[in-house]
Amino acid sequence: VNLFDEAKEFMFSGGDSNDILQSFLLVHKIHKAM
């Protein structure tokens, strides 16, 4: 993932969007459930 600066910044910043942030949080909870 270090090869992709823009994608890495997108992950670290949450895409500067509440919708994407909410998706990240849901994915995290799904991951914990799995």
Full PDB file with SEQRES, HELIX, SHEET, SSBOND, CRYST1, ORIGX, SCALE, CONECT and MASTER records, all heavy atoms in Angstrom:
SEQRES   1 A   34  VAL ASN LEU PHE ASP GLU ALA LYS GLU PHE MET PHE SER          
SEQRES   2 A   34  GLY GLY ASP SER ASN ASP ILE LEU GLN SER PHE LEU LEU          
SEQRES   3 A   34  VAL HIS LYS ILE HIS LYS ALA MET                              
HELIX    1 AA1 ASP A    5  SER A   13  1                                   9    
HELIX    2 AA2 GLY A   14  ASP A   16  5                                   3    
HELIX    3 AA3 ASN A   18  ALA A   33  1                                  16    
CRYST1    1.000    1.000    1.000  90.00  90.00  90.00 P 1           1          
ORIGX1      1.000000  0.000000  0.000000        0.00000                         
ORIGX2      0.000000  1.000000  0.000000        0.00000                         
ORIGX3      0.000000  0.000000  1.000000        0.00000                         
SCALE1      1.000000  0.000000  0.000000        0.00000                         
SCALE2      0.000000  1.000000  0.000000        0.00000                         
SCALE3      0.000000  0.000000  1.000000        0.00000                         
ATOM      1  N   VAL A   1       0.817  -1.206   0.000  1.00  0.00           N  
ATOM      2  CA  VAL A   1       0.000   0.000   0.000  1.00  0.00           C  
ATOM      3  C   VAL A   1       0.856   1.263   0.000  1.00  0.00           C  
ATOM      4  O   VAL A   1       0.389   2.345  -0.374  1.00  0.00           O  
ATOM      5  CB  VAL A   1      -0.967  -0.014   1.202  1.00  0.00           C  
ATOM      6  CG1 VAL A   1      -0.264   0.378   2.478  1.00  0.00           C  
ATOM      7  CG2 VAL A   1      -2.175   0.876   0.954  1.00  0.00           C  
ATOM      8  N   ASN A   2       2.140   1.161   0.386  1.00  0.00           N  
ATOM      9  CA  ASN A   2       3.034   2.321   0.354  1.00  0.00           C  
ATOM     10  C   ASN A   2       3.334   2.793  -1.058  1.00  0.00           C  
ATOM     11  O   ASN A   2       3.854   3.891  -1.251  1.00  0.00           O  
ATOM     12  CB  ASN A   2       4.354   1.985   1.054  1.00  0.00           C  
ATOM     13  CG  ASN A   2       4.194   1.824   2.550  1.00  0.00           C  
ATOM     14  OD1 ASN A   2       3.440   2.549   3.180  1.00  0.00           O  
ATOM     15  ND2 ASN A   2       4.900   0.868   3.130  1.00  0.00           N  
ATOM     16  N   LEU A   3       3.018   1.977  -2.057  1.00  0.00           N  
ATOM     17  CA  LEU A   3       3.243   2.367  -3.448  1.00  0.00           C  
ATOM     18  C   LEU A   3       2.235   3.403  -3.931  1.00  0.00           C  
ATOM     19  O   LEU A   3       2.461   4.042  -4.953  1.00  0.00           O  
ATOM     20  CB  LEU A   3       3.156   1.128  -4.353  1.00  0.00           C  
ATOM     21  CG  LEU A   3       4.221   0.051  -4.165  1.00  0.00           C  
ATOM     22  CD1 LEU A   3       3.789  -1.226  -4.860  1.00  0.00           C  
ATOM     23  CD2 LEU A   3       5.555   0.525  -4.700  1.00  0.00           C  
ATOM     24  N   PHE A   4       1.161   3.566  -3.207  1.00  0.00           N  
ATOM     25  CA  PHE A   4       0.046   4.378  -3.693  1.00  0.00           C  
ATOM     26  C   PHE A   4      -0.204   5.521  -2.713  1.00  0.00           C  
ATOM     27  O   PHE A   4      -0.985   5.380  -1.758  1.00  0.00           O  
ATOM     28  CB  PHE A   4      -1.204   3.507  -3.857  1.00  0.00           C  
ATOM     29  CG  PHE A   4      -0.970   2.265  -4.669  1.00  0.00           C  
ATOM     30  CD1 PHE A   4      -0.658   1.061  -4.050  1.00  0.00           C  
ATOM     31  CD2 PHE A   4      -1.032   2.303  -6.051  1.00  0.00           C  
ATOM     32  CE1 PHE A   4      -0.442  -0.086  -4.781  1.00  0.00           C  
ATOM     33  CE2 PHE A   4      -0.806   1.161  -6.803  1.00  0.00           C  
ATOM     34  CZ  PHE A   4      -0.508  -0.038  -6.173  1.00  0.00           C  
ATOM     35  N   ASP A   5       0.456   6.635  -2.943  1.00  0.00           N  
ATOM     36  CA  ASP A   5       0.382   7.758  -2.013  1.00  0.00           C  
ATOM     37  C   ASP A   5      -1.030   8.336  -1.926  1.00  0.00           C  
ATOM     38  O   ASP A   5      -1.519   8.648  -0.835  1.00  0.00           O  
ATOM     39  CB  ASP A   5       1.369   8.851  -2.435  1.00  0.00           C  
ATOM     40  CG  ASP A   5       2.814   8.393  -2.315  1.00  0.00           C  
ATOM     41  OD1 ASP A   5       3.075   7.501  -1.479  1.00  0.00           O  
ATOM     42  OD2 ASP A   5       3.673   8.895  -3.059  1.00  0.00           O  
ATOM     43  N   GLU A   6      -1.675   8.510  -3.068  1.00  0.00           N  
ATOM     44  CA  GLU A   6      -3.006   9.112  -3.056  1.00  0.00           C  
ATOM     45  C   GLU A   6      -4.012   8.207  -2.348  1.00  0.00           C  
ATOM     46  O   GLU A   6      -4.843   8.685  -1.554  1.00  0.00           O  
ATOM     47  CB  GLU A   6      -3.457   9.389  -4.493  1.00  0.00           C  
ATOM     48  CG  GLU A   6      -2.610  10.450  -5.208  1.00  0.00           C  
ATOM     49  CD  GLU A   6      -3.098  10.680  -6.623  1.00  0.00           C  
ATOM     50  OE1 GLU A   6      -4.275  10.370  -6.897  1.00  0.00           O  
ATOM     51  OE2 GLU A   6      -2.311  11.154  -7.456  1.00  0.00           O  
ATOM     52  N   ALA A   7      -3.944   6.916  -2.625  1.00  0.00           N  
ATOM     53  CA  ALA A   7      -4.868   5.990  -1.966  1.00  0.00           C  
ATOM     54  C   ALA A   7      -4.600   5.929  -0.469  1.00  0.00           C  
ATOM     55  O   ALA A   7      -5.527   5.851   0.340  1.00  0.00           O  
ATOM     56  CB  ALA A   7      -4.746   4.605  -2.590  1.00  0.00           C  
ATOM     57  N   LYS A   8      -3.329   5.966  -0.111  1.00  0.00           N  
ATOM     58  CA  LYS A   8      -2.975   5.923   1.307  1.00  0.00           C  
ATOM     59  C   LYS A   8      -3.488   7.174   2.021  1.00  0.00           C  
ATOM     60  O   LYS A   8      -4.044   7.098   3.129  1.00  0.00           O  
ATOM     61  CB  LYS A   8      -1.464   5.809   1.444  1.00  0.00           C  
ATOM     62  CG  LYS A   8      -0.976   5.463   2.847  1.00  0.00           C  
ATOM     63  CD  LYS A   8       0.522   5.229   2.831  1.00  0.00           C  
ATOM     64  CE  LYS A   8       1.034   4.884   4.218  1.00  0.00           C  
ATOM     65  NZ  LYS A   8       2.500   4.666   4.226  1.00  0.00           N  
ATOM     66  N   GLU A   9      -3.329   8.313   1.391  1.00  0.00           N  
ATOM     67  CA  GLU A   9      -3.836   9.547   1.975  1.00  0.00           C  
ATOM     68  C   GLU A   9      -5.359   9.518   2.074  1.00  0.00           C  
ATOM     69  O   GLU A   9      -5.948  10.001   3.039  1.00  0.00           O  
ATOM     70  CB  GLU A   9      -3.387  10.731   1.118  1.00  0.00           C  
ATOM     71  CG  GLU A   9      -3.917  12.088   1.575  1.00  0.00           C  
ATOM     72  CD  GLU A   9      -3.419  12.456   2.977  1.00  0.00           C  
ATOM     73  OE1 GLU A   9      -2.354  11.946   3.394  1.00  0.00           O  
ATOM     74  OE2 GLU A   9      -4.101  13.250   3.644  1.00  0.00           O  
ATOM     75  N   PHE A  10      -5.995   8.917   1.082  1.00  0.00           N  
ATOM     76  CA  PHE A  10      -7.451   8.790   1.100  1.00  0.00           C  
ATOM     77  C   PHE A  10      -7.896   7.950   2.295  1.00  0.00           C  
ATOM     78  O   PHE A  10      -8.868   8.287   2.985  1.00  0.00           O  
ATOM     79  CB  PHE A  10      -7.921   8.147  -0.207  1.00  0.00           C  
ATOM     80  CG  PHE A  10      -9.410   8.094  -0.372  1.00  0.00           C  
ATOM     81  CD1 PHE A  10     -10.078   9.099  -1.040  1.00  0.00           C  
ATOM     82  CD2 PHE A  10     -10.149   7.040   0.149  1.00  0.00           C  
ATOM     83  CE1 PHE A  10     -11.460   9.057  -1.196  1.00  0.00           C  
ATOM     84  CE2 PHE A  10     -11.521   6.987   0.010  1.00  0.00           C  
ATOM     85  CZ  PHE A  10     -12.179   7.998  -0.673  1.00  0.00           C  
ATOM     86  N   MET A  11      -7.176   6.856   2.565  1.00  0.00           N  
ATOM     87  CA  MET A  11      -7.532   6.000   3.709  1.00  0.00           C  
ATOM     88  C   MET A  11      -7.301   6.721   5.020  1.00  0.00           C  
ATOM     89  O   MET A  11      -8.088   6.619   5.956  1.00  0.00           O  
ATOM     90  CB  MET A  11      -6.726   4.698   3.655  1.00  0.00           C  
ATOM     91  CG  MET A  11      -7.182   3.735   2.582  1.00  0.00           C  
ATOM     92  SD  MET A  11      -6.360   2.122   2.688  1.00  0.00           S  
ATOM     93  CE  MET A  11      -4.765   2.499   2.006  1.00  0.00           C  
ATOM     94  N   PHE A  12      -6.203   7.463   5.102  1.00  0.00           N  
ATOM     95  CA  PHE A  12      -5.869   8.131   6.349  1.00  0.00           C  
ATOM     96  C   PHE A  12      -6.789   9.316   6.635  1.00  0.00           C  
ATOM     97  O   PHE A  12      -7.048   9.634   7.788  1.00  0.00           O  
ATOM     98  CB  PHE A  12      -4.422   8.612   6.321  1.00  0.00           C  
ATOM     99  CG  PHE A  12      -3.427   7.486   6.351  1.00  0.00           C  
ATOM    100  CD1 PHE A  12      -2.098   7.727   6.115  1.00  0.00           C  
ATOM    101  CD2 PHE A  12      -3.831   6.194   6.623  1.00  0.00           C  
ATOM    102  CE1 PHE A  12      -1.174   6.692   6.138  1.00  0.00           C  
ATOM    103  CE2 PHE A  12      -2.926   5.157   6.657  1.00  0.00           C  
ATOM    104  CZ  PHE A  12      -1.601   5.398   6.408  1.00  0.00           C  
ATOM    105  N   SER A  13      -7.261   9.960   5.570  1.00  0.00           N  
ATOM    106  CA  SER A  13      -8.093  11.145   5.766  1.00  0.00           C  
ATOM    107  C   SER A  13      -9.584  10.837   5.743  1.00  0.00           C  
ATOM    108  O   SER A  13     -10.407  11.725   5.960  1.00  0.00           O  
ATOM    109  CB  SER A  13      -7.783  12.178   4.677  1.00  0.00           C  
ATOM    110  OG  SER A  13      -8.152  11.686   3.402  1.00  0.00           O  
ATOM    111  N   GLY A  14      -9.919   9.587   5.445  1.00  0.00           N  
ATOM    112  CA  GLY A  14     -11.336   9.234   5.379  1.00  0.00           C  
ATOM    113  C   GLY A  14     -12.027   9.793   4.160  1.00  0.00           C  
ATOM    114  O   GLY A  14     -13.254   9.838   4.101  1.00  0.00           O  
ATOM    115  N   GLY A  15     -11.243  10.205   3.150  1.00  0.00           N  
ATOM    116  CA  GLY A  15     -11.832  10.713   1.931  1.00  0.00           C  
ATOM    117  C   GLY A  15     -12.472  12.075   2.070  1.00  0.00           C  
ATOM    118  O   GLY A  15     -13.133  12.543   1.151  1.00  0.00           O  
ATOM    119  N   ASP A  16     -12.294  12.741   3.238  1.00  0.00           N  
ATOM    120  CA  ASP A  16     -12.887  14.064   3.473  1.00  0.00           C  
ATOM    121  C   ASP A  16     -14.397  14.049   3.239  1.00  0.00           C  
ATOM    122  O   ASP A  16     -14.972  14.997   2.722  1.00  0.00           O  
ATOM    123  CB  ASP A  16     -12.231  15.115   2.572  1.00  0.00           C  
ATOM    124  CG  ASP A  16     -10.784  15.345   2.960  1.00  0.00           C  
ATOM    125  OD1 ASP A  16     -10.459  15.147   4.145  1.00  0.00           O  
ATOM    126  OD2 ASP A  16      -9.985  15.704   2.080  1.00  0.00           O  
ATOM    127  N   SER A  17     -15.033  12.946   3.586  1.00  0.00           N  
ATOM    128  CA  SER A  17     -16.473  12.834   3.350  1.00  0.00           C  
ATOM    129  C   SER A  17     -17.092  12.063   4.499  1.00  0.00           C  
ATOM    130  O   SER A  17     -16.579  11.014   4.904  1.00  0.00           O  
ATOM    131  CB  SER A  17     -16.747  12.122   2.020  1.00  0.00           C  
ATOM    132  OG  SER A  17     -18.099  11.765   1.927  1.00  0.00           O  
ATOM    133  N   ASN A  18     -18.207  12.588   5.010  1.00  0.00           N  
ATOM    134  CA  ASN A  18     -18.904  11.891   6.090  1.00  0.00           C  
ATOM    135  C   ASN A  18     -19.469  10.554   5.631  1.00  0.00           C  
ATOM    136  O   ASN A  18     -19.511   9.582   6.396  1.00  0.00           O  
ATOM    137  CB  ASN A  18     -20.028  12.772   6.636  1.00  0.00           C  
ATOM    138  CG  ASN A  18     -19.488  13.928   7.448  1.00  0.00           C  
ATOM    139  OD1 ASN A  18     -18.336  13.910   7.864  1.00  0.00           O  
ATOM    140  ND2 ASN A  18     -20.319  14.931   7.667  1.00  0.00           N  
ATOM    141  N   ASP A  19     -19.916  10.486   4.359  1.00  0.00           N  
ATOM    142  CA  ASP A  19     -20.472   9.233   3.852  1.00  0.00           C  
ATOM    143  C   ASP A  19     -19.405   8.149   3.806  1.00  0.00           C  
ATOM    144  O   ASP A  19     -19.649   7.000   4.184  1.00  0.00           O  
ATOM    145  CB  ASP A  19     -21.060   9.451   2.453  1.00  0.00           C  
ATOM    146  CG  ASP A  19     -22.274  10.367   2.478  1.00  0.00           C  
ATOM    147  OD1 ASP A  19     -22.923  10.436   3.544  1.00  0.00           O  
ATOM    148  OD2 ASP A  19     -22.558  11.004   1.446  1.00  0.00           O  
ATOM    149  N   ILE A  20     -18.207   8.514   3.320  1.00  0.00           N  
ATOM    150  CA  ILE A  20     -17.130   7.527   3.249  1.00  0.00           C  
ATOM    151  C   ILE A  20     -16.668   7.157   4.649  1.00  0.00           C  
ATOM    152  O   ILE A  20     -16.374   5.996   4.941  1.00  0.00           O  
ATOM    153  CB  ILE A  20     -15.966   8.073   2.398  1.00  0.00           C  
ATOM    154  CG1 ILE A  20     -16.424   8.229   0.943  1.00  0.00           C  
ATOM    155  CG2 ILE A  20     -14.757   7.161   2.480  1.00  0.00           C  
ATOM    156  CD1 ILE A  20     -15.367   8.782   0.015  1.00  0.00           C  
ATOM    157  N   LEU A  21     -16.620   8.151   5.551  1.00  0.00           N  
ATOM    158  CA  LEU A  21     -16.255   7.867   6.935  1.00  0.00           C  
ATOM    159  C   LEU A  21     -17.232   6.879   7.557  1.00  0.00           C  
ATOM    160  O   LEU A  21     -16.830   5.927   8.239  1.00  0.00           O  
ATOM    161  CB  LEU A  21     -16.235   9.168   7.740  1.00  0.00           C  
ATOM    162  CG  LEU A  21     -16.092   9.014   9.264  1.00  0.00           C  
ATOM    163  CD1 LEU A  21     -14.793   8.311   9.611  1.00  0.00           C  
ATOM    164  CD2 LEU A  21     -16.171  10.373   9.944  1.00  0.00           C  
ATOM    165  N   GLN A  22     -18.504   7.082   7.311  1.00  0.00           N  
ATOM    166  CA  GLN A  22     -19.504   6.165   7.856  1.00  0.00           C  
ATOM    167  C   GLN A  22     -19.321   4.758   7.281  1.00  0.00           C  
ATOM    168  O   GLN A  22     -19.466   3.762   7.994  1.00  0.00           O  
ATOM    169  CB  GLN A  22     -20.908   6.692   7.533  1.00  0.00           C  
ATOM    170  CG  GLN A  22     -22.040   5.849   8.089  1.00  0.00           C  
ATOM    171  CD  GLN A  22     -22.102   5.880   9.609  1.00  0.00           C  
ATOM    172  OE1 GLN A  22     -21.476   6.731  10.231  1.00  0.00           O  
ATOM    173  NE2 GLN A  22     -22.842   4.947  10.184  1.00  0.00           N  
ATOM    174  N   SER A  23     -18.978   4.661   5.993  1.00  0.00           N  
ATOM    175  CA  SER A  23     -18.741   3.349   5.382  1.00  0.00           C  
ATOM    176  C   SER A  23     -17.542   2.667   6.021  1.00  0.00           C  
ATOM    177  O   SER A  23     -17.561   1.457   6.269  1.00  0.00           O  
ATOM    178  CB  SER A  23     -18.521   3.500   3.873  1.00  0.00           C  
ATOM    179  OG  SER A  23     -19.664   4.024   3.242  1.00  0.00           O  
ATOM    180  N   PHE A  24     -16.484   3.456   6.276  1.00  0.00           N  
ATOM    181  CA  PHE A  24     -15.311   2.887   6.943  1.00  0.00           C  
ATOM    182  C   PHE A  24     -15.676   2.320   8.318  1.00  0.00           C  
ATOM    183  O   PHE A  24     -15.243   1.233   8.699  1.00  0.00           O  
ATOM    184  CB  PHE A  24     -14.225   3.951   7.107  1.00  0.00           C  
ATOM    185  CG  PHE A  24     -13.410   4.175   5.863  1.00  0.00           C  
ATOM    186  CD1 PHE A  24     -12.894   5.432   5.587  1.00  0.00           C  
ATOM    187  CD2 PHE A  24     -13.147   3.145   4.993  1.00  0.00           C  
ATOM    188  CE1 PHE A  24     -12.131   5.648   4.447  1.00  0.00           C  
ATOM    189  CE2 PHE A  24     -12.389   3.347   3.852  1.00  0.00           C  
ATOM    190  CZ  PHE A  24     -11.885   4.603   3.572  1.00  0.00           C  
ATOM    191  N   LEU A  25     -16.474   3.076   9.063  1.00  0.00           N  
ATOM    192  CA  LEU A  25     -16.850   2.622  10.397  1.00  0.00           C  
ATOM    193  C   LEU A  25     -17.718   1.367  10.346  1.00  0.00           C  
ATOM    194  O   LEU A  25     -17.574   0.457  11.168  1.00  0.00           O  
ATOM    195  CB  LEU A  25     -17.587   3.743  11.128  1.00  0.00           C  
ATOM    196  CG  LEU A  25     -16.758   5.008  11.403  1.00  0.00           C  
ATOM    197  CD1 LEU A  25     -17.631   6.097  11.997  1.00  0.00           C  
ATOM    198  CD2 LEU A  25     -15.591   4.697  12.321  1.00  0.00           C  
ATOM    199  N   LEU A  26     -18.612   1.297   9.351  1.00  0.00           N  
ATOM    200  CA  LEU A  26     -19.431   0.098   9.201  1.00  0.00           C  
ATOM    201  C   LEU A  26     -18.575  -1.104   8.816  1.00  0.00           C  
ATOM    202  O   LEU A  26     -18.786  -2.219   9.314  1.00  0.00           O  
ATOM    203  CB  LEU A  26     -20.522   0.342   8.149  1.00  0.00           C  
ATOM    204  CG  LEU A  26     -21.641   1.306   8.549  1.00  0.00           C  
ATOM    205  CD1 LEU A  26     -22.564   1.566   7.359  1.00  0.00           C  
ATOM    206  CD2 LEU A  26     -22.436   0.755   9.724  1.00  0.00           C  
ATOM    207  N   VAL A  27     -17.602  -0.885   7.921  1.00  0.00           N  
ATOM    208  CA  VAL A  27     -16.700  -1.972   7.539  1.00  0.00           C  
ATOM    209  C   VAL A  27     -15.918  -2.455   8.748  1.00  0.00           C  
ATOM    210  O   VAL A  27     -15.698  -3.657   8.938  1.00  0.00           O  
ATOM    211  CB  VAL A  27     -15.747  -1.512   6.415  1.00  0.00           C  
ATOM    212  CG1 VAL A  27     -14.648  -2.540   6.191  1.00  0.00           C  
ATOM    213  CG2 VAL A  27     -16.510  -1.295   5.122  1.00  0.00           C  
ATOM    214  N   HIS A  28     -15.493  -1.518   9.572  1.00  0.00           N  
ATOM    215  CA  HIS A  28     -14.749  -1.896  10.775  1.00  0.00           C  
ATOM    216  C   HIS A  28     -15.599  -2.771  11.688  1.00  0.00           C  
ATOM    217  O   HIS A  28     -15.137  -3.787  12.232  1.00  0.00           O  
ATOM    218  CB  HIS A  28     -14.304  -0.636  11.502  1.00  0.00           C  
ATOM    219  CG  HIS A  28     -13.647  -0.895  12.825  1.00  0.00           C  
ATOM    220  ND1 HIS A  28     -12.676  -1.853  12.992  1.00  0.00           N  
ATOM    221  CD2 HIS A  28     -13.833  -0.337  14.048  1.00  0.00           C  
ATOM    222  CE1 HIS A  28     -12.280  -1.873  14.257  1.00  0.00           C  
ATOM    223  NE2 HIS A  28     -12.976  -0.965  14.918  1.00  0.00           N  
ATOM    224  N   LYS A  29     -16.864  -2.397  11.874  1.00  0.00           N  
ATOM    225  CA  LYS A  29     -17.746  -3.182  12.738  1.00  0.00           C  
ATOM    226  C   LYS A  29     -18.037  -4.550  12.130  1.00  0.00           C  
ATOM    227  O   LYS A  29     -18.102  -5.558  12.842  1.00  0.00           O  
ATOM    228  CB  LYS A  29     -19.045  -2.411  12.973  1.00  0.00           C  
ATOM    229  CG  LYS A  29     -18.855  -1.140  13.788  1.00  0.00           C  
ATOM    230  CD  LYS A  29     -20.176  -0.416  13.990  1.00  0.00           C  
ATOM    231  CE  LYS A  29     -19.977   0.843  14.823  1.00  0.00           C  
ATOM    232  NZ  LYS A  29     -21.252   1.557  15.056  1.00  0.00           N  
ATOM    233  N   ILE A  30     -18.200  -4.594  10.806  1.00  0.00           N  
ATOM    234  CA  ILE A  30     -18.405  -5.888  10.141  1.00  0.00           C  
ATOM    235  C   ILE A  30     -17.179  -6.772  10.319  1.00  0.00           C  
ATOM    236  O   ILE A  30     -17.290  -7.981  10.563  1.00  0.00           O  
ATOM    237  CB  ILE A  30     -18.718  -5.672   8.649  1.00  0.00           C  
ATOM    238  CG1 ILE A  30     -20.078  -4.979   8.484  1.00  0.00           C  
ATOM    239  CG2 ILE A  30     -18.683  -6.979   7.880  1.00  0.00           C  
ATOM    240  CD1 ILE A  30     -20.372  -4.543   7.069  1.00  0.00           C  
ATOM    241  N   HIS A  31     -16.010  -6.159  10.188  1.00  0.00           N  
ATOM    242  CA  HIS A  31     -14.763  -6.911  10.373  1.00  0.00           C  
ATOM    243  C   HIS A  31     -14.684  -7.486  11.781  1.00  0.00           C  
ATOM    244  O   HIS A  31     -14.310  -8.661  11.970  1.00  0.00           O  
ATOM    245  CB  HIS A  31     -13.572  -5.997  10.095  1.00  0.00           C  
ATOM    246  CG  HIS A  31     -12.246  -6.621  10.392  1.00  0.00           C  
ATOM    247  ND1 HIS A  31     -11.731  -7.654   9.645  1.00  0.00           N  
ATOM    248  CD2 HIS A  31     -11.333  -6.364  11.367  1.00  0.00           C  
ATOM    249  CE1 HIS A  31     -10.549  -8.000  10.130  1.00  0.00           C  
ATOM    250  NE2 HIS A  31     -10.284  -7.232  11.169  1.00  0.00           N  
ATOM    251  N   LYS A  32     -15.034  -6.689  12.776  1.00  0.00           N  
ATOM    252  CA  LYS A  32     -15.021  -7.174  14.152  1.00  0.00           C  
ATOM    253  C   LYS A  32     -16.033  -8.301  14.346  1.00  0.00           C  
ATOM    254  O   LYS A  32     -15.762  -9.283  15.054  1.00  0.00           O  
ATOM    255  CB  LYS A  32     -15.324  -6.024  15.111  1.00  0.00           C  
ATOM    256  CG  LYS A  32     -14.206  -4.985  15.218  1.00  0.00           C  
ATOM    257  CD  LYS A  32     -12.935  -5.605  15.767  1.00  0.00           C  
ATOM    258  CE  LYS A  32     -11.844  -4.559  15.946  1.00  0.00           C  
ATOM    259  NZ  LYS A  32     -10.576  -5.177  16.430  1.00  0.00           N  
ATOM    260  N   ALA A  33     -17.192  -8.176  13.712  1.00  0.00           N  
ATOM    261  CA  ALA A  33     -18.200  -9.230  13.824  1.00  0.00           C  
ATOM    262  C   ALA A  33     -17.707 -10.518  13.164  1.00  0.00           C  
ATOM    263  O   ALA A  33     -17.928 -11.623  13.689  1.00  0.00           O  
ATOM    264  CB  ALA A  33     -19.506  -8.768  13.181  1.00  0.00           C  
ATOM    265  N   MET A  34     -17.051 -10.385  12.017  1.00  0.00           N  
ATOM    266  CA  MET A  34     -16.491 -11.563  11.352  1.00  0.00           C  
ATOM    267  C   MET A  34     -15.391 -12.196  12.195  1.00  0.00           C  
ATOM    268  O   MET A  34     -15.287 -13.427  12.274  1.00  0.00           O  
ATOM    269  CB  MET A  34     -15.934 -11.171   9.981  1.00  0.00           C  
ATOM    270  CG  MET A  34     -16.976 -10.933   8.914  1.00  0.00           C  
ATOM    271  SD  MET A  34     -16.211 -10.611   7.312  1.00  0.00           S  
ATOM    272  CE  MET A  34     -17.643 -10.695   6.241  1.00  0.00           C  
TER     273      MET A  34                                                      
MASTER        0    0    0    3    0    0    0    6  272    1    0    3          
END                                                                             
